[in-house]
Amino acid sequence: MERADDPGDRRGRLVRLTPLGEETAVRATRRHRDNLRRLLAQQLLAEHWERFASGRRLLSHAVENGVPRRR
């Protein structure tokens, strides 16, 4: 994590992930996704899993397209 003074507010600090922190967050997110996929798949019949996975993909794309990126 990197910290810097907020140029718009002397009282505040800006915080952002370092490249290593970002890689760690992505790795953890993928592991969490894989664990959920494995655990949920055990609970659903194959045709229900496909419907669930399709809906999850739609939601994921909607969030990805609707959330502004900060860099």
PDB file of N, CA and C in Angstrom:
ATOM      1  N   MET A   1       0.846  -1.158   0.000  1.00  0.00           N
ATOM      2  CA  MET A   1       0.000   0.000   0.000  1.00  0.00           C
ATOM      3  C   MET A   1       0.902   1.235   0.000  1.00  0.00           C
ATOM      4  N   GLU A   2       0.492   2.213  -0.781  1.00  0.00           N
ATOM      5  CA  GLU A   2       1.226   3.478  -0.838  1.00  0.00           C
ATOM      6  C   GLU A   2       0.328   4.585  -0.314  1.00  0.00           C
ATOM      7  N   ARG A   3       0.913   5.491   0.428  1.00  0.00           N
ATOM      8  CA  ARG A   3       0.171   6.636   0.962  1.00  0.00           C
ATOM      9  C   ARG A   3       0.799   7.917   0.428  1.00  0.00           C
ATOM     10  N   ALA A   4      -0.065   8.907   0.173  1.00  0.00           N
ATOM     11  CA  ALA A   4       0.412  10.207  -0.297  1.00  0.00           C
ATOM     12  C   ALA A   4      -0.530  11.279   0.239  1.00  0.00           C
ATOM     13  N   ASP A   5      -0.022  12.505   0.342  1.00  0.00           N
ATOM     14  CA  ASP A   5      -0.880  13.613   0.746  1.00  0.00           C
ATOM     15  C   ASP A   5      -1.951  13.826  -0.308  1.00  0.00           C
ATOM     16  N   ASP A   6      -3.146  14.188   0.141  1.00  0.00           N
ATOM     17  CA  ASP A   6      -4.239  14.489  -0.770  1.00  0.00           C
ATOM     18  C   ASP A   6      -4.088  15.945  -1.203  1.00  0.00           C
ATOM     19  N   PRO A   7      -3.823  16.194  -2.482  1.00  0.00           N
ATOM     20  CA  PRO A   7      -3.631  17.578  -2.917  1.00  0.00           C
ATOM     21  C   PRO A   7      -4.888  18.427  -2.806  1.00  0.00           C
ATOM     22  N   GLY A   8      -6.048  17.790  -2.748  1.00  0.00           N
ATOM     23  CA  GLY A   8      -7.302  18.525  -2.645  1.00  0.00           C
ATOM     24  C   GLY A   8      -7.752  18.786  -1.215  1.00  0.00           C
ATOM     25  N   ASP A   9      -7.062  18.174  -0.236  1.00  0.00           N
ATOM     26  CA  ASP A   9      -7.464  18.313   1.160  1.00  0.00           C
ATOM     27  C   ASP A   9      -6.252  18.013   2.042  1.00  0.00           C
ATOM     28  N   ARG A  10      -5.648  19.057   2.605  1.00  0.00           N
ATOM     29  CA  ARG A  10      -4.422  18.886   3.399  1.00  0.00           C
ATOM     30  C   ARG A  10      -4.603  17.940   4.581  1.00  0.00           C
ATOM     31  N   ARG A  11      -5.850  17.780   5.051  1.00  0.00           N
ATOM     32  CA  ARG A  11      -6.102  16.907   6.205  1.00  0.00           C
ATOM     33  C   ARG A  11      -6.091  15.436   5.821  1.00  0.00           C
ATOM     34  N   GLY A  12      -6.263  15.135   4.549  1.00  0.00           N
ATOM     35  CA  GLY A  12      -6.442  13.749   4.111  1.00  0.00           C
ATOM     36  C   GLY A  12      -5.190  13.125   3.532  1.00  0.00           C
ATOM     37  N   ARG A  13      -5.256  11.810   3.404  1.00  0.00           N
ATOM     38  CA  ARG A  13      -4.199  11.033   2.764  1.00  0.00           C
ATOM     39  C   ARG A  13      -4.846  10.154   1.703  1.00  0.00           C
ATOM     40  N   LEU A  14      -4.163   9.951   0.605  1.00  0.00           N
ATOM     41  CA  LEU A  14      -4.609   9.041  -0.439  1.00  0.00           C
ATOM     42  C   LEU A  14      -3.880   7.720  -0.252  1.00  0.00           C
ATOM     43  N   VAL A  15      -4.597   6.639  -0.439  1.00  0.00           N
ATOM     44  CA  VAL A  15      -4.019   5.303  -0.277  1.00  0.00           C
ATOM     45  C   VAL A  15      -4.348   4.506  -1.531  1.00  0.00           C
ATOM     46  N   ARG A  16      -3.355   3.780  -2.025  1.00  0.00           N
ATOM     47  CA  ARG A  16      -3.604   2.904  -3.170  1.00  0.00           C
ATOM     48  C   ARG A  16      -2.723   1.672  -3.042  1.00  0.00           C
ATOM     49  N   LEU A  17      -3.159   0.627  -3.731  1.00  0.00           N
ATOM     50  CA  LEU A  17      -2.403  -0.622  -3.711  1.00  0.00           C
ATOM     51  C   LEU A  17      -1.141  -0.487  -4.562  1.00  0.00           C
ATOM     52  N   THR A  18      -0.088  -1.090  -4.107  1.00  0.00           N
ATOM     53  CA  THR A  18       1.121  -1.208  -4.915  1.00  0.00           C
ATOM     54  C   THR A  18       0.867  -2.299  -5.956  1.00  0.00           C
ATOM     55  N   PRO A  19       1.727  -2.414  -6.955  1.00  0.00           N
ATOM     56  CA  PRO A  19       1.551  -3.518  -7.907  1.00  0.00           C
ATOM     57  C   PRO A  19       1.508  -4.883  -7.217  1.00  0.00           C
ATOM     58  N   LEU A  20       2.344  -5.103  -6.223  1.00  0.00           N
ATOM     59  CA  LEU A  20       2.321  -6.367  -5.501  1.00  0.00           C
ATOM     60  C   LEU A  20       0.995  -6.539  -4.746  1.00  0.00           C
ATOM     61  N   GLY A  21       0.506  -5.462  -4.138  1.00  0.00           N
ATOM     62  CA  GLY A  21      -0.775  -5.525  -3.442  1.00  0.00           C
ATOM     63  C   GLY A  21      -1.921  -5.830  -4.391  1.00  0.00           C
ATOM     64  N   GLU A  22      -1.877  -5.250  -5.575  1.00  0.00           N
ATOM     65  CA  GLU A  22      -2.907  -5.512  -6.578  1.00  0.00           C
ATOM     66  C   GLU A  22      -2.859  -6.966  -7.040  1.00  0.00           C
ATOM     67  N   GLU A  23      -1.652  -7.486  -7.274  1.00  0.00           N
ATOM     68  CA  GLU A  23      -1.509  -8.900  -7.668  1.00  0.00           C
ATOM     69  C   GLU A  23      -2.052  -9.821  -6.569  1.00  0.00           C
ATOM     70  N   THR A  24      -1.765  -9.475  -5.325  1.00  0.00           N
ATOM     71  CA  THR A  24      -2.240 -10.279  -4.198  1.00  0.00           C
ATOM     72  C   THR A  24      -3.758 -10.258  -4.130  1.00  0.00           C
ATOM     73  N   ALA A  25      -4.367  -9.079  -4.329  1.00  0.00           N
ATOM     74  CA  ALA A  25      -5.821  -8.972  -4.298  1.00  0.00           C
ATOM     75  C   ALA A  25      -6.454  -9.776  -5.433  1.00  0.00           C
ATOM     76  N   VAL A  26      -5.866  -9.723  -6.617  1.00  0.00           N
ATOM     77  CA  VAL A  26      -6.391 -10.483  -7.759  1.00  0.00           C
ATOM     78  C   VAL A  26      -6.277 -11.982  -7.484  1.00  0.00           C
ATOM     79  N   ARG A  27      -5.135 -12.414  -6.964  1.00  0.00           N
ATOM     80  CA  ARG A  27      -4.935 -13.830  -6.651  1.00  0.00           C
ATOM     81  C   ARG A  27      -5.948 -14.303  -5.602  1.00  0.00           C
ATOM     82  N   ALA A  28      -6.162 -13.501  -4.570  1.00  0.00           N
ATOM     83  CA  ALA A  28      -7.123 -13.861  -3.521  1.00  0.00           C
ATOM     84  C   ALA A  28      -8.545 -13.906  -4.071  1.00  0.00           C
ATOM     85  N   THR A  29      -8.879 -12.968  -4.945  1.00  0.00           N
ATOM     86  CA  THR A  29     -10.214 -12.943  -5.545  1.00  0.00           C
ATOM     87  C   THR A  29     -10.450 -14.179  -6.397  1.00  0.00           C
ATOM     88  N   ARG A  30      -9.446 -14.563  -7.175  1.00  0.00           N
ATOM     89  CA  ARG A  30      -9.576 -15.762  -8.019  1.00  0.00           C
ATOM     90  C   ARG A  30      -9.720 -17.015  -7.161  1.00  0.00           C
ATOM     91  N   ARG A  31      -8.951 -17.097  -6.097  1.00  0.00           N
ATOM     92  CA  ARG A  31      -9.042 -18.258  -5.214  1.00  0.00           C
ATOM     93  C   ARG A  31     -10.431 -18.315  -4.562  1.00  0.00           C
ATOM     94  N   HIS A  32     -10.932 -17.168  -4.136  1.00  0.00           N
ATOM     95  CA  HIS A  32     -12.266 -17.113  -3.530  1.00  0.00           C
ATOM     96  C   HIS A  32     -13.326 -17.542  -4.545  1.00  0.00           C
ATOM     97  N   ARG A  33     -13.215 -17.039  -5.773  1.00  0.00           N
ATOM     98  CA  ARG A  33     -14.150 -17.411  -6.838  1.00  0.00           C
ATOM     99  C   ARG A  33     -14.111 -18.921  -7.086  1.00  0.00           C
ATOM    100  N   ASP A  34     -12.913 -19.470  -7.164  1.00  0.00           N
ATOM    101  CA  ASP A  34     -12.782 -20.906  -7.416  1.00  0.00           C
ATOM    102  C   ASP A  34     -13.363 -21.733  -6.271  1.00  0.00           C
ATOM    103  N   ASN A  35     -13.140 -21.291  -5.046  1.00  0.00           N
ATOM    104  CA  ASN A  35     -13.717 -21.991  -3.890  1.00  0.00           C
ATOM    105  C   ASN A  35     -15.243 -21.939  -3.916  1.00  0.00           C
ATOM    106  N   LEU A  36     -15.791 -20.753  -4.201  1.00  0.00           N
ATOM    107  CA  LEU A  36     -17.254 -20.637  -4.292  1.00  0.00           C
ATOM    108  C   LEU A  36     -17.800 -21.517  -5.412  1.00  0.00           C
ATOM    109  N   ARG A  37     -17.131 -21.479  -6.539  1.00  0.00           N
ATOM    110  CA  ARG A  37     -17.579 -22.288  -7.680  1.00  0.00           C
ATOM    111  C   ARG A  37     -17.612 -23.768  -7.295  1.00  0.00           C
ATOM    112  N   ARG A  38     -16.549 -24.232  -6.661  1.00  0.00           N
ATOM    113  CA  ARG A  38     -16.476 -25.641  -6.269  1.00  0.00           C
ATOM    114  C   ARG A  38     -17.558 -25.974  -5.233  1.00  0.00           C
ATOM    115  N   LEU A  39     -17.719 -25.147  -4.223  1.00  0.00           N
ATOM    116  CA  LEU A  39     -18.698 -25.414  -3.174  1.00  0.00           C
ATOM    117  C   LEU A  39     -20.137 -25.330  -3.695  1.00  0.00           C
ATOM    118  N   LEU A  40     -20.413 -24.327  -4.522  1.00  0.00           N
ATOM    119  CA  LEU A  40     -21.772 -24.178  -5.046  1.00  0.00           C
ATOM    120  C   LEU A  40     -22.097 -25.263  -6.062  1.00  0.00           C
ATOM    121  N   ALA A  41     -21.133 -25.635  -6.872  1.00  0.00           N
ATOM    122  CA  ALA A  41     -21.377 -26.661  -7.887  1.00  0.00           C
ATOM    123  C   ALA A  41     -21.767 -27.978  -7.242  1.00  0.00           C
ATOM    124  N   GLN A  42     -21.257 -28.245  -6.064  1.00  0.00           N
ATOM    125  CA  GLN A  42     -21.606 -29.479  -5.363  1.00  0.00           C
ATOM    126  C   GLN A  42     -23.077 -29.477  -4.936  1.00  0.00           C
ATOM    127  N   GLN A  43     -23.674 -28.306  -4.827  1.00  0.00           N
ATOM    128  CA  GLN A  43     -25.048 -28.181  -4.343  1.00  0.00           C
ATOM    129  C   GLN A  43     -26.087 -28.145  -5.464  1.00  0.00           C
ATOM    130  N   LEU A  44     -25.659 -27.904  -6.692  1.00  0.00           N
ATOM    131  CA  LEU A  44     -26.593 -27.706  -7.801  1.00  0.00           C
ATOM    132  C   LEU A  44     -26.475 -28.820  -8.840  1.00  0.00           C
ATOM    133  N   LEU A  45     -27.603 -29.159  -9.419  1.00  0.00           N
ATOM    134  CA  LEU A  45     -27.588 -30.060 -10.565  1.00  0.00           C
ATOM    135  C   LEU A  45     -26.924 -29.347 -11.739  1.00  0.00           C
ATOM    136  N   ALA A  46     -26.405 -30.089 -12.697  1.00  0.00           N
ATOM    137  CA  ALA A  46     -25.644 -29.518 -13.812  1.00  0.00           C
ATOM    138  C   ALA A  46     -26.423 -28.427 -14.547  1.00  0.00           C
ATOM    139  N   GLU A  47     -27.709 -28.685 -14.852  1.00  0.00           N
ATOM    140  CA  GLU A  47     -28.463 -27.670 -15.609  1.00  0.00           C
ATOM    141  C   GLU A  47     -28.711 -26.417 -14.769  1.00  0.00           C
ATOM    142  N   HIS A  48     -28.861 -26.573 -13.472  1.00  0.00           N
ATOM    143  CA  HIS A  48     -29.022 -25.408 -12.592  1.00  0.00           C
ATOM    144  C   HIS A  48     -27.706 -24.649 -12.472  1.00  0.00           C
ATOM    145  N   TRP A  49     -26.605 -25.383 -12.445  1.00  0.00           N
ATOM    146  CA  TRP A  49     -25.302 -24.729 -12.362  1.00  0.00           C
ATOM    147  C   TRP A  49     -25.074 -23.857 -13.592  1.00  0.00           C
ATOM    148  N   GLU A  50     -25.416 -24.344 -14.781  1.00  0.00           N
ATOM    149  CA  GLU A  50     -25.223 -23.558 -16.000  1.00  0.00           C
ATOM    150  C   GLU A  50     -26.053 -22.279 -15.969  1.00  0.00           C
ATOM    151  N   ARG A  51     -27.290 -22.371 -15.508  1.00  0.00           N
ATOM    152  CA  ARG A  51     -28.126 -21.171 -15.380  1.00  0.00           C
ATOM    153  C   ARG A  51     -27.528 -20.193 -14.375  1.00  0.00           C
ATOM    154  N   PHE A  52     -27.091 -20.719 -13.241  1.00  0.00           N
ATOM    155  CA  PHE A  52     -26.472 -19.884 -12.215  1.00  0.00           C
ATOM    156  C   PHE A  52     -25.212 -19.203 -12.756  1.00  0.00           C
ATOM    157  N   ALA A  53     -24.343 -19.974 -13.432  1.00  0.00           N
ATOM    158  CA  ALA A  53     -23.096 -19.436 -13.966  1.00  0.00           C
ATOM    159  C   ALA A  53     -23.367 -18.353 -15.009  1.00  0.00           C
ATOM    160  N   SER A  54     -24.388 -18.560 -15.831  1.00  0.00           N
ATOM    161  CA  SER A  54     -24.747 -17.569 -16.846  1.00  0.00           C
ATOM    162  C   SER A  54     -25.204 -16.265 -16.186  1.00  0.00           C
ATOM    163  N   GLY A  55     -26.033 -16.367 -15.185  1.00  0.00           N
ATOM    164  CA  GLY A  55     -26.488 -15.181 -14.455  1.00  0.00           C
ATOM    165  C   GLY A  55     -25.349 -14.475 -13.749  1.00  0.00           C
ATOM    166  N   ARG A  56     -24.449 -15.247 -13.182  1.00  0.00           N
ATOM    167  CA  ARG A  56     -23.292 -14.667 -12.494  1.00  0.00           C
ATOM    168  C   ARG A  56     -22.412 -13.895 -13.476  1.00  0.00           C
ATOM    169  N   ARG A  57     -22.231 -14.452 -14.671  1.00  0.00           N
ATOM    170  CA  ARG A  57     -21.430 -13.756 -15.688  1.00  0.00           C
ATOM    171  C   ARG A  57     -22.082 -12.439 -16.095  1.00  0.00           C
ATOM    172  N   LEU A  58     -23.407 -12.465 -16.274  1.00  0.00           N
ATOM    173  CA  LEU A  58     -24.110 -11.227 -16.629  1.00  0.00           C
ATOM    174  C   LEU A  58     -23.925 -10.161 -15.553  1.00  0.00           C
ATOM    175  N   LEU A  59     -24.083 -10.557 -14.300  1.00  0.00           N
ATOM    176  CA  LEU A  59     -23.903  -9.610 -13.193  1.00  0.00           C
ATOM    177  C   LEU A  59     -22.466  -9.096 -13.139  1.00  0.00           C
ATOM    178  N   SER A  60     -21.525  -9.983 -13.321  1.00  0.00           N
ATOM    179  CA  SER A  60     -20.119  -9.604 -13.269  1.00  0.00           C
ATOM    180  C   SER A  60     -19.791  -8.568 -14.344  1.00  0.00           C
ATOM    181  N   HIS A  61     -20.277  -8.792 -15.560  1.00  0.00           N
ATOM    182  CA  HIS A  61     -20.031  -7.842 -16.652  1.00  0.00           C
ATOM    183  C   HIS A  61     -20.728  -6.512 -16.387  1.00  0.00           C
ATOM    184  N   ALA A  62     -21.928  -6.563 -15.839  1.00  0.00           N
ATOM    185  CA  ALA A  62     -22.658  -5.329 -15.539  1.00  0.00           C
ATOM    186  C   ALA A  62     -21.898  -4.506 -14.507  1.00  0.00           C
ATOM    187  N   VAL A  63     -21.384  -5.165 -13.488  1.00  0.00           N
ATOM    188  CA  VAL A  63     -20.615  -4.451 -12.461  1.00  0.00           C
ATOM    189  C   VAL A  63     -19.313  -3.925 -13.063  1.00  0.00           C
ATOM    190  N   GLU A  64     -18.638  -4.755 -13.825  1.00  0.00           N
ATOM    191  CA  GLU A  64     -17.366  -4.339 -14.431  1.00  0.00           C
ATOM    192  C   GLU A  64     -17.564  -3.117 -15.325  1.00  0.00           C
ATOM    193  N   ASN A  65     -18.642  -3.085 -16.081  1.00  0.00           N
ATOM    194  CA  ASN A  65     -18.904  -1.971 -16.985  1.00  0.00           C
ATOM    195  C   ASN A  65     -19.472  -0.747 -16.276  1.00  0.00           C
ATOM    196  N   GLY A  66     -20.057  -0.947 -15.085  1.00  0.00           N
ATOM    197  CA  GLY A  66     -20.711   0.150 -14.401  1.00  0.00           C
ATOM    198  C   GLY A  66     -19.883   0.826 -13.331  1.00  0.00           C
ATOM    199  N   VAL A  67     -18.781   0.200 -12.930  1.00  0.00           N
ATOM    200  CA  VAL A  67     -17.954   0.768 -11.878  1.00  0.00           C
ATOM    201  C   VAL A  67     -16.784   1.513 -12.500  1.00  0.00           C
ATOM    202  N   PRO A  68     -16.652   2.805 -12.179  1.00  0.00           N
ATOM    203  CA  PRO A  68     -15.534   3.556 -12.771  1.00  0.00           C
ATOM    204  C   PRO A  68     -14.199   3.064 -12.237  1.00  0.00           C
ATOM    205  N   ARG A  69     -13.208   3.041 -13.113  1.00  0.00           N
ATOM    206  CA  ARG A  69     -11.853   2.628 -12.757  1.00  0.00           C
ATOM    207  C   ARG A  69     -11.101   3.833 -12.205  1.00  0.00           C
ATOM    208  N   ARG A  70     -10.320   3.612 -11.178  1.00  0.00           N
ATOM    209  CA  ARG A  70      -9.475   4.664 -10.625  1.00  0.00           C
ATOM    210  C   ARG A  70      -8.028   4.281 -10.846  1.00  0.00           C
ATOM    211  N   ARG A  71      -7.276   5.160 -11.382  1.00  0.00           N
ATOM    212  CA  ARG A  71      -5.840   4.918 -11.609  1.00  0.00           C
ATOM    213  C   ARG A  71      -5.083   6.201 -11.427  1.00  0.00           C
TER     214      ARG A  71
END
